C-alpha atoms as a PDB file:
ATOM      1  CA  UNK A   1       4.833 -10.690  -2.815  1.00  0.00           C
ATOM      2  CA  UNK A   2       8.633 -10.762  -2.921  1.00  0.00           C
ATOM      3  CA  UNK A   3      10.734 -10.297   0.181  1.00  0.00           C
ATOM      4  CA  UNK A   4      11.825  -6.744   0.931  1.00  0.00           C
ATOM      5  CA  UNK A   5      15.260  -8.196   1.659  1.00  0.00           C
ATOM      6  CA  UNK A   6      16.492 -11.011  -0.552  1.00  0.00           C
ATOM      7  CA  UNK A   7      18.583 -13.892   0.841  1.00  0.00           C
ATOM      8  CA  UNK A   8      22.279 -13.394   0.249  1.00  0.00           C
ATOM      9  CA  UNK A   9      24.970 -16.038  -0.160  1.00  0.00           C
ATOM     10  CA  UNK A  10      28.429 -14.687   0.406  1.00  0.00           C
ATOM     11  CA  UNK A  11      31.417 -15.863   2.405  1.00  0.00           C
ATOM     12  CA  UNK A  12      32.817 -12.599   3.755  1.00  0.00           C
ATOM     13  CA  UNK A  13      31.989 -11.023   7.092  1.00  0.00           C
ATOM     14  CA  UNK A  14      30.889  -7.408   6.750  1.00  0.00           C
ATOM     15  CA  UNK A  15      31.264  -4.919   9.599  1.00  0.00           C
ATOM     16  CA  UNK A  16      28.486  -2.347   9.822  1.00  0.00           C
ATOM     17  CA  UNK A  17      28.854   0.795  11.959  1.00  0.00           C
ATOM     18  CA  UNK A  18      25.691   2.515  13.124  1.00  0.00           C
ATOM     19  CA  UNK A  19      25.122   6.241  12.715  1.00  0.00           C
ATOM     20  CA  UNK A  20      23.778   8.524  15.452  1.00  0.00           C
ATOM     21  CA  UNK A  21      20.413   8.450  13.680  1.00  0.00           C
ATOM     22  CA  UNK A  22      20.421   4.643  13.769  1.00  0.00           C
ATOM     23  CA  UNK A  23      21.116   4.542  17.508  1.00  0.00           C
ATOM     24  CA  UNK A  24      18.321   7.052  18.111  1.00  0.00           C
ATOM     25  CA  UNK A  25      15.843   5.019  16.050  1.00  0.00           C
ATOM     26  CA  UNK A  26      16.799   1.852  17.923  1.00  0.00           C
ATOM     27  CA  UNK A  27      16.358   3.629  21.242  1.00  0.00           C
ATOM     28  CA  UNK A  28      12.954   5.010  20.254  1.00  0.00           C
ATOM     29  CA  UNK A  29      11.688   1.612  19.085  1.00  0.00           C
ATOM     30  CA  UNK A  30      12.965  -0.121  22.209  1.00  0.00           C
ATOM     31  CA  UNK A  31      11.353   2.490  24.464  1.00  0.00           C
ATOM     32  CA  UNK A  32       8.051   1.889  22.722  1.00  0.00           C
ATOM     33  CA  UNK A  33       8.441  -1.875  23.112  1.00  0.00           C
ATOM     34  CA  UNK A  34       9.390  -1.515  26.789  1.00  0.00           C
ATOM     35  CA  UNK A  35       6.196   0.429  27.527  1.00  0.00           C
ATOM     36  CA  UNK A  36       4.075  -2.295  25.943  1.00  0.00           C
ATOM     37  CA  UNK A  37       5.972  -5.145  27.592  1.00  0.00           C
ATOM     38  CA  UNK A  38       5.803  -3.486  31.026  1.00  0.00           C
ATOM     39  CA  UNK A  39       2.036  -3.216  30.685  1.00  0.00           C
ATOM     40  CA  UNK A  40       1.816  -6.957  30.038  1.00  0.00           C
ATOM     41  CA  UNK A  41       4.183  -7.780  32.893  1.00  0.00           C
ATOM     42  CA  UNK A  42       2.028  -5.827  35.362  1.00  0.00           C
ATOM     43  CA  UNK A  43      -0.610  -8.465  34.676  1.00  0.00           C
ATOM     44  CA  UNK A  44       1.943 -11.308  35.013  1.00  0.00           C
ATOM     45  CA  UNK A  45       2.015 -11.998  31.269  1.00  0.00           C
ATOM     46  CA  UNK A  46       5.549 -12.936  30.105  1.00  0.00           C
ATOM     47  CA  UNK A  47       6.633 -11.719  26.691  1.00  0.00           C
ATOM     48  CA  UNK A  48       9.605 -11.171  24.419  1.00  0.00           C
ATOM     49  CA  UNK A  49      10.401  -9.009  21.416  1.00  0.00           C
ATOM     50  CA  UNK A  50      12.145 -10.442  18.388  1.00  0.00           C
ATOM     51  CA  UNK A  51      13.754  -9.533  15.105  1.00  0.00           C
ATOM     52  CA  UNK A  52      15.701  -6.379  14.287  1.00  0.00           C
ATOM     53  CA  UNK A  53      14.688  -4.609  17.491  1.00  0.00           C
ATOM     54  CA  UNK A  54      16.350  -7.415  19.472  1.00  0.00           C
ATOM     55  CA  UNK A  55      19.412  -7.588  17.189  1.00  0.00           C
ATOM     56  CA  UNK A  56      19.810  -3.843  16.704  1.00  0.00           C
ATOM     57  CA  UNK A  57      19.793  -3.656  12.897  1.00  0.00           C
ATOM     58  CA  UNK A  58      16.602  -1.629  12.715  1.00  0.00           C
ATOM     59  CA  UNK A  59      15.391   0.551   9.859  1.00  0.00           C
ATOM     60  CA  UNK A  60      12.554   3.087   9.521  1.00  0.00           C
ATOM     61  CA  UNK A  61      10.413   0.191   8.253  1.00  0.00           C
ATOM     62  CA  UNK A  62      10.978  -1.974  11.348  1.00  0.00           C
ATOM     63  CA  UNK A  63       7.903  -3.251  13.151  1.00  0.00           C
ATOM     64  CA  UNK A  64       7.573  -4.045  16.843  1.00  0.00           C
ATOM     65  CA  UNK A  65       6.211  -7.545  17.450  1.00  0.00           C
ATOM     66  CA  UNK A  66       5.809  -8.360  21.127  1.00  0.00           C
ATOM     67  CA  UNK A  67       5.293 -12.104  21.412  1.00  0.00           C
ATOM     68  CA  UNK A  68       3.688 -13.958  24.312  1.00  0.00           C
ATOM     69  CA  UNK A  69       5.071 -17.520  24.146  1.00  0.00           C
ATOM     70  CA  UNK A  70       2.467 -19.090  26.403  1.00  0.00           C
ATOM     71  CA  UNK A  71      -1.217 -19.665  25.669  1.00  0.00           C
ATOM     72  CA  UNK A  72      -3.680 -17.253  27.247  1.00  0.00           C
ATOM     73  CA  UNK A  73      -7.318 -16.515  26.620  1.00  0.00           C
ATOM     74  CA  UNK A  74      -7.681 -13.692  24.145  1.00  0.00           C
ATOM     75  CA  UNK A  75      -9.943 -11.897  26.653  1.00  0.00           C
ATOM     76  CA  UNK A  76      -7.055 -11.740  29.133  1.00  0.00           C
ATOM     77  CA  UNK A  77      -4.682 -10.231  26.583  1.00  0.00           C
ATOM     78  CA  UNK A  78      -7.180  -7.791  25.134  1.00  0.00           C
ATOM     79  CA  UNK A  79      -8.415  -6.687  28.548  1.00  0.00           C
ATOM     80  CA  UNK A  80      -4.830  -6.121  29.694  1.00  0.00           C
ATOM     81  CA  UNK A  81      -4.125  -3.932  26.676  1.00  0.00           C
ATOM     82  CA  UNK A  82      -7.298  -1.887  27.119  1.00  0.00           C
ATOM     83  CA  UNK A  83      -6.748  -1.380  30.850  1.00  0.00           C
ATOM     84  CA  UNK A  84      -3.197  -0.265  30.075  1.00  0.00           C
ATOM     85  CA  UNK A  85      -4.414   2.350  27.610  1.00  0.00           C
ATOM     86  CA  UNK A  86      -3.420   0.608  24.388  1.00  0.00           C
ATOM     87  CA  UNK A  87      -5.975   0.769  21.565  1.00  0.00           C
ATOM     88  CA  UNK A  88      -6.874  -2.378  19.677  1.00  0.00           C
ATOM     89  CA  UNK A  89      -6.833  -1.363  16.028  1.00  0.00           C
ATOM     90  CA  UNK A  90      -7.074  -4.743  14.319  1.00  0.00           C
ATOM     91  CA  UNK A  91      -7.231  -8.430  15.251  1.00  0.00           C
ATOM     92  CA  UNK A  92      -6.152 -11.222  12.923  1.00  0.00           C
ATOM     93  CA  UNK A  93      -6.118 -15.006  13.300  1.00  0.00           C
ATOM     94  CA  UNK A  94      -3.272 -16.583  11.331  1.00  0.00           C
ATOM     95  CA  UNK A  95      -2.005 -20.059  10.493  1.00  0.00           C
ATOM     96  CA  UNK A  96       0.973 -19.964   8.139  1.00  0.00           C
ATOM     97  CA  UNK A  97       0.677 -23.600   6.989  1.00  0.00           C
ATOM     98  CA  UNK A  98      -1.521 -26.565   8.024  1.00  0.00           C
ATOM     99  CA  UNK A  99       1.360 -27.807  10.182  1.00  0.00           C
ATOM    100  CA  UNK A 100       2.072 -24.612  12.118  1.00  0.00           C
ATOM    101  CA  UNK A 101       0.450 -23.374  15.312  1.00  0.00           C
ATOM    102  CA  UNK A 102      -2.476 -20.979  15.068  1.00  0.00           C
ATOM    103  CA  UNK A 103      -1.668 -17.487  16.313  1.00  0.00           C
ATOM    104  CA  UNK A 104      -3.510 -14.334  17.241  1.00  0.00           C
ATOM    105  CA  UNK A 105      -2.216 -10.925  16.184  1.00  0.00           C
ATOM    106  CA  UNK A 106      -3.459  -7.746  17.836  1.00  0.00           C
ATOM    107  CA  UNK A 107      -2.377  -4.453  16.283  1.00  0.00           C
ATOM    108  CA  UNK A 108      -2.144  -1.521  18.676  1.00  0.00           C
ATOM    109  CA  UNK A 109      -0.911   0.758  15.897  1.00  0.00           C
ATOM    110  CA  UNK A 110       0.124   0.249  12.278  1.00  0.00           C
ATOM    111  CA  UNK A 111       3.677  -0.766  13.233  1.00  0.00           C
ATOM    112  CA  UNK A 112       3.183  -2.384  16.642  1.00  0.00           C
ATOM    113  CA  UNK A 113       1.467  -5.638  17.510  1.00  0.00           C
ATOM    114  CA  UNK A 114       1.097  -8.259  20.197  1.00  0.00           C
ATOM    115  CA  UNK A 115       0.979 -11.890  19.101  1.00  0.00           C
ATOM    116  CA  UNK A 116       0.370 -15.137  20.963  1.00  0.00           C
ATOM    117  CA  UNK A 117      -0.356 -18.792  20.120  1.00  0.00           C
ATOM    118  CA  UNK A 118      -3.880 -20.163  20.167  1.00  0.00           C
ATOM    119  CA  UNK A 119      -2.529 -23.727  19.977  1.00  0.00           C
ATOM    120  CA  UNK A 120       0.567 -25.442  21.286  1.00  0.00           C
ATOM    121  CA  UNK A 121       3.737 -24.651  19.357  1.00  0.00           C
ATOM    122  CA  UNK A 122       6.258 -27.285  18.393  1.00  0.00           C
ATOM    123  CA  UNK A 123       9.835 -26.796  19.617  1.00  0.00           C
ATOM    124  CA  UNK A 124      11.003 -25.799  16.148  1.00  0.00           C
ATOM    125  CA  UNK A 125       8.266 -23.132  15.974  1.00  0.00           C
ATOM    126  CA  UNK A 126       9.274 -21.665  19.319  1.00  0.00           C
ATOM    127  CA  UNK A 127      12.877 -21.613  18.136  1.00  0.00           C
ATOM    128  CA  UNK A 128      11.926 -19.480  15.124  1.00  0.00           C
ATOM    129  CA  UNK A 129      11.931 -16.516  17.503  1.00  0.00           C
ATOM    130  CA  UNK A 130      15.385 -17.334  18.862  1.00  0.00           C
ATOM    131  CA  UNK A 131      16.533 -17.787  15.267  1.00  0.00           C
ATOM    132  CA  UNK A 132      15.591 -14.209  14.421  1.00  0.00           C
ATOM    133  CA  UNK A 133      16.907 -12.971  17.768  1.00  0.00           C
ATOM    134  CA  UNK A 134      14.762 -12.464  20.839  1.00  0.00           C
ATOM    135  CA  UNK A 135      15.090 -10.205  23.858  1.00  0.00           C
ATOM    136  CA  UNK A 136      13.270  -9.987  27.173  1.00  0.00           C
ATOM    137  CA  UNK A 137      12.059  -6.813  28.865  1.00  0.00           C
ATOM    138  CA  UNK A 138      15.076  -6.863  31.193  1.00  0.00           C
ATOM    139  CA  UNK A 139      17.446  -7.170  28.225  1.00  0.00           C
ATOM    140  CA  UNK A 140      15.886  -4.159  26.517  1.00  0.00           C
ATOM    141  CA  UNK A 141      16.205  -2.112  29.692  1.00  0.00           C
ATOM    142  CA  UNK A 142      19.893  -3.043  29.937  1.00  0.00           C
ATOM    143  CA  UNK A 143      20.457  -2.154  26.257  1.00  0.00           C
ATOM    144  CA  UNK A 144      21.467  -5.714  25.449  1.00  0.00           C
ATOM    145  CA  UNK A 145      21.423  -6.730  21.794  1.00  0.00           C
ATOM    146  CA  UNK A 146      21.428 -10.351  20.696  1.00  0.00           C
ATOM    147  CA  UNK A 147      22.584 -12.268  17.615  1.00  0.00           C
ATOM    148  CA  UNK A 148      19.957 -13.423  15.157  1.00  0.00           C
ATOM    149  CA  UNK A 149      19.258 -14.000  11.475  1.00  0.00           C
ATOM    150  CA  UNK A 150      17.490 -11.510   9.230  1.00  0.00           C
ATOM    151  CA  UNK A 151      15.349 -12.185   6.144  1.00  0.00           C
ATOM    152  CA  UNK A 152      18.425 -12.107   3.915  1.00  0.00           C
ATOM    153  CA  UNK A 153      19.666 -15.163   5.848  1.00  0.00           C
ATOM    154  CA  UNK A 154      22.452 -13.025   7.251  1.00  0.00           C
ATOM    155  CA  UNK A 155      23.663 -13.683  10.780  1.00  0.00           C
ATOM    156  CA  UNK A 156      23.716 -10.395  12.669  1.00  0.00           C
ATOM    157  CA  UNK A 157      26.269 -10.378  15.497  1.00  0.00           C
ATOM    158  CA  UNK A 158      26.152  -7.169  17.578  1.00  0.00           C
ATOM    159  CA  UNK A 159      29.332  -5.167  18.245  1.00  0.00           C
ATOM    160  CA  UNK A 160      29.922  -2.013  20.276  1.00  0.00           C
ATOM    161  CA  UNK A 161      29.722   0.141  17.153  1.00  0.00           C
ATOM    162  CA  UNK A 162      27.061  -1.791  15.209  1.00  0.00           C
ATOM    163  CA  UNK A 163      27.191  -5.362  13.999  1.00  0.00           C
ATOM    164  CA  UNK A 164      29.018  -7.918  11.888  1.00  0.00           C
ATOM    165  CA  UNK A 165      26.942  -9.780   9.310  1.00  0.00           C
ATOM    166  CA  UNK A 166      27.652 -12.967   7.368  1.00  0.00           C
ATOM    167  CA  UNK A 167      25.622 -15.452   5.360  1.00  0.00           C
ATOM    168  CA  UNK A 168      24.446 -18.479   7.306  1.00  0.00           C
ATOM    169  CA  UNK A 169      24.624 -20.677   4.194  1.00  0.00           C
ATOM    170  CA  UNK A 170      27.354 -23.230   4.811  1.00  0.00           C
ATOM    171  CA  UNK A 171      27.689 -22.430   8.502  1.00  0.00           C
ATOM    172  CA  UNK A 172      24.391 -23.792   9.781  1.00  0.00           C
ATOM    173  CA  UNK A 173      25.981 -25.772  12.630  1.00  0.00           C
ATOM    174  CA  UNK A 174      27.857 -22.727  13.913  1.00  0.00           C
ATOM    175  CA  UNK A 175      24.772 -20.543  13.679  1.00  0.00           C
ATOM    176  CA  UNK A 176      22.687 -23.073  15.608  1.00  0.00           C
ATOM    177  CA  UNK A 177      25.241 -23.033  18.448  1.00  0.00           C
ATOM    178  CA  UNK A 178      25.448 -19.235  18.533  1.00  0.00           C
ATOM    179  CA  UNK A 179      21.663 -18.860  18.671  1.00  0.00           C
ATOM    180  CA  UNK A 180      20.997 -21.811  20.981  1.00  0.00           C
ATOM    181  CA  UNK A 181      18.628 -23.530  18.564  1.00  0.00           C
ATOM    182  CA  UNK A 182      18.626 -26.870  16.777  1.00  0.00           C
ATOM    183  CA  UNK A 183      20.272 -27.318  13.396  1.00  0.00           C
ATOM    184  CA  UNK A 184      16.828 -28.483  12.221  1.00  0.00           C
ATOM    185  CA  UNK A 185      15.439 -25.021  12.927  1.00  0.00           C
ATOM    186  CA  UNK A 186      18.239 -23.329  10.986  1.00  0.00           C
ATOM    187  CA  UNK A 187      17.839 -25.661   7.998  1.00  0.00           C
ATOM    188  CA  UNK A 188      14.051 -25.164   8.088  1.00  0.00           C
ATOM    189  CA  UNK A 189      14.334 -21.396   7.925  1.00  0.00           C
ATOM    190  CA  UNK A 190      16.947 -21.565   5.169  1.00  0.00           C
ATOM    191  CA  UNK A 191      14.630 -23.787   3.122  1.00  0.00           C
ATOM    192  CA  UNK A 192      11.571 -21.597   3.700  1.00  0.00           C
ATOM    193  CA  UNK A 193      13.252 -18.270   2.945  1.00  0.00           C
ATOM    194  CA  UNK A 194      15.137 -19.500  -0.111  1.00  0.00           C
ATOM    195  CA  UNK A 195      11.960 -21.050  -1.497  1.00  0.00           C
ATOM    196  CA  UNK A 196      10.000 -17.883  -0.775  1.00  0.00           C
ATOM    197  CA  UNK A 197      12.597 -15.850  -2.626  1.00  0.00           C
ATOM    198  CA  UNK A 198      12.485 -18.223  -5.602  1.00  0.00           C
ATOM    199  CA  UNK A 199       8.718 -18.596  -6.000  1.00  0.00           C
ATOM    200  CA  UNK A 200       7.361 -15.681  -4.003  1.00  0.00           C
ATOM    201  CA  UNK A 201       4.983 -15.811  -1.099  1.00  0.00           C
ATOM    202  CA  UNK A 202       2.322 -18.468  -1.565  1.00  0.00           C
ATOM    203  CA  UNK A 203      -0.057 -16.945   0.952  1.00  0.00           C
ATOM    204  CA  UNK A 204      -1.034 -17.961   4.451  1.00  0.00           C
ATOM    205  CA  UNK A 205      -3.062 -21.119   5.001  1.00  0.00           C
ATOM    206  CA  UNK A 206      -5.472 -19.126   7.172  1.00  0.00           C
ATOM    207  CA  UNK A 207      -5.681 -15.357   7.595  1.00  0.00           C
ATOM    208  CA  UNK A 208      -8.928 -14.143   9.118  1.00  0.00           C
ATOM    209  CA  UNK A 209      -9.556 -10.629  10.381  1.00  0.00           C
ATOM    210  CA  UNK A 210     -12.007 -10.480  13.268  1.00  0.00           C
ATOM    211  CA  UNK A 211     -14.978  -8.156  13.523  1.00  0.00           C
ATOM    212  CA  UNK A 212     -15.413  -6.140  16.763  1.00  0.00           C
ATOM    213  CA  UNK A 213     -17.985  -8.572  18.200  1.00  0.00           C
ATOM    214  CA  UNK A 214     -15.966 -11.749  17.560  1.00  0.00           C
ATOM    215  CA  UNK A 215     -13.464 -13.540  19.797  1.00  0.00           C
ATOM    216  CA  UNK A 216     -10.422 -15.461  18.615  1.00  0.00           C
ATOM    217  CA  UNK A 217     -11.641 -18.633  20.290  1.00  0.00           C
ATOM    218  CA  UNK A 218     -15.099 -18.505  18.691  1.00  0.00           C
ATOM    219  CA  UNK A 219     -13.694 -17.833  15.229  1.00  0.00           C
ATOM    220  CA  UNK A 220     -11.146 -20.614  15.651  1.00  0.00           C
ATOM    221  CA  UNK A 221     -13.879 -23.077  16.579  1.00  0.00           C
ATOM    222  CA  UNK A 222     -15.987 -22.143  13.560  1.00  0.00           C
ATOM    223  CA  UNK A 223     -12.998 -22.489  11.236  1.00  0.00           C
ATOM    224  CA  UNK A 224     -12.033 -25.834  12.754  1.00  0.00           C
ATOM    225  CA  UNK A 225     -15.580 -27.160  12.298  1.00  0.00           C
ATOM    226  CA  UNK A 226     -15.167 -26.648   8.540  1.00  0.00           C
ATOM    227  CA  UNK A 227     -11.459 -27.423   8.138  1.00  0.00           C
ATOM    228  CA  UNK A 228     -10.166 -30.989   8.779  1.00  0.00           C
ATOM    229  CA  UNK A 229      -6.500 -29.926   8.585  1.00  0.00           C
ATOM    230  CA  UNK A 230      -7.065 -27.282  11.244  1.00  0.00           C
ATOM    231  CA  UNK A 231      -8.875 -29.782  13.452  1.00  0.00           C
ATOM    232  CA  UNK A 232      -5.946 -32.182  13.188  1.00  0.00           C
ATOM    233  CA  UNK A 233      -3.494 -29.453  14.198  1.00  0.00           C
ATOM    234  CA  UNK A 234      -5.630 -28.503  17.192  1.00  0.00           C
ATOM    235  CA  UNK A 235      -5.813 -32.121  18.337  1.00  0.00           C
ATOM    236  CA  UNK A 236      -2.024 -32.104  18.561  1.00  0.00           C
ATOM    237  CA  UNK A 237      -2.149 -29.275  21.091  1.00  0.00           C
END
């Protein structure tokens, strides 16, 4: 499947001013994210939100992905959500490539999910979230927006009236400094997104939806028993 937003390569910096409707949409999405993040914090589970909701350049198609950067048992996360009144609509175990960490995704509605790693993430994987822009609960409450890169490979730099966007192609070093990530992370994402645009999505290495009576840990063990590449990745954790 092709990207909804194609990577762009252009030198100019474009200033984008947000409409009243845009600010309202951003506020509504952030309020929804705050409610979910506060529920997790009550149980001492740290989390962040990333992407357009952190940067500010949201659209009606924007999803809310609350990410828990530390490893927890899936029972702890699921029990926290249920006790907080959030329904669990769908649960999916995902590994993007044989080299990436395995992650759990829990949908609480069709546009909102909680995700967390089931194996240790490498530094570059953790920095993917900073690359796209990440914000804490406190930052959302203070209406802070952060710089980050969208799927077009455009650097989004928030302004009082909206944002300024520019292609990151050719300014990878500068972008790395602005975002507080390694140049390796920036180059990795450029490579991945340009290749995805050229050849299309090649599919996830593992994508397994769980049935109601399964746990993430049990499914992961069964998959690892049959998959040498997955076992190797888990041994690195």
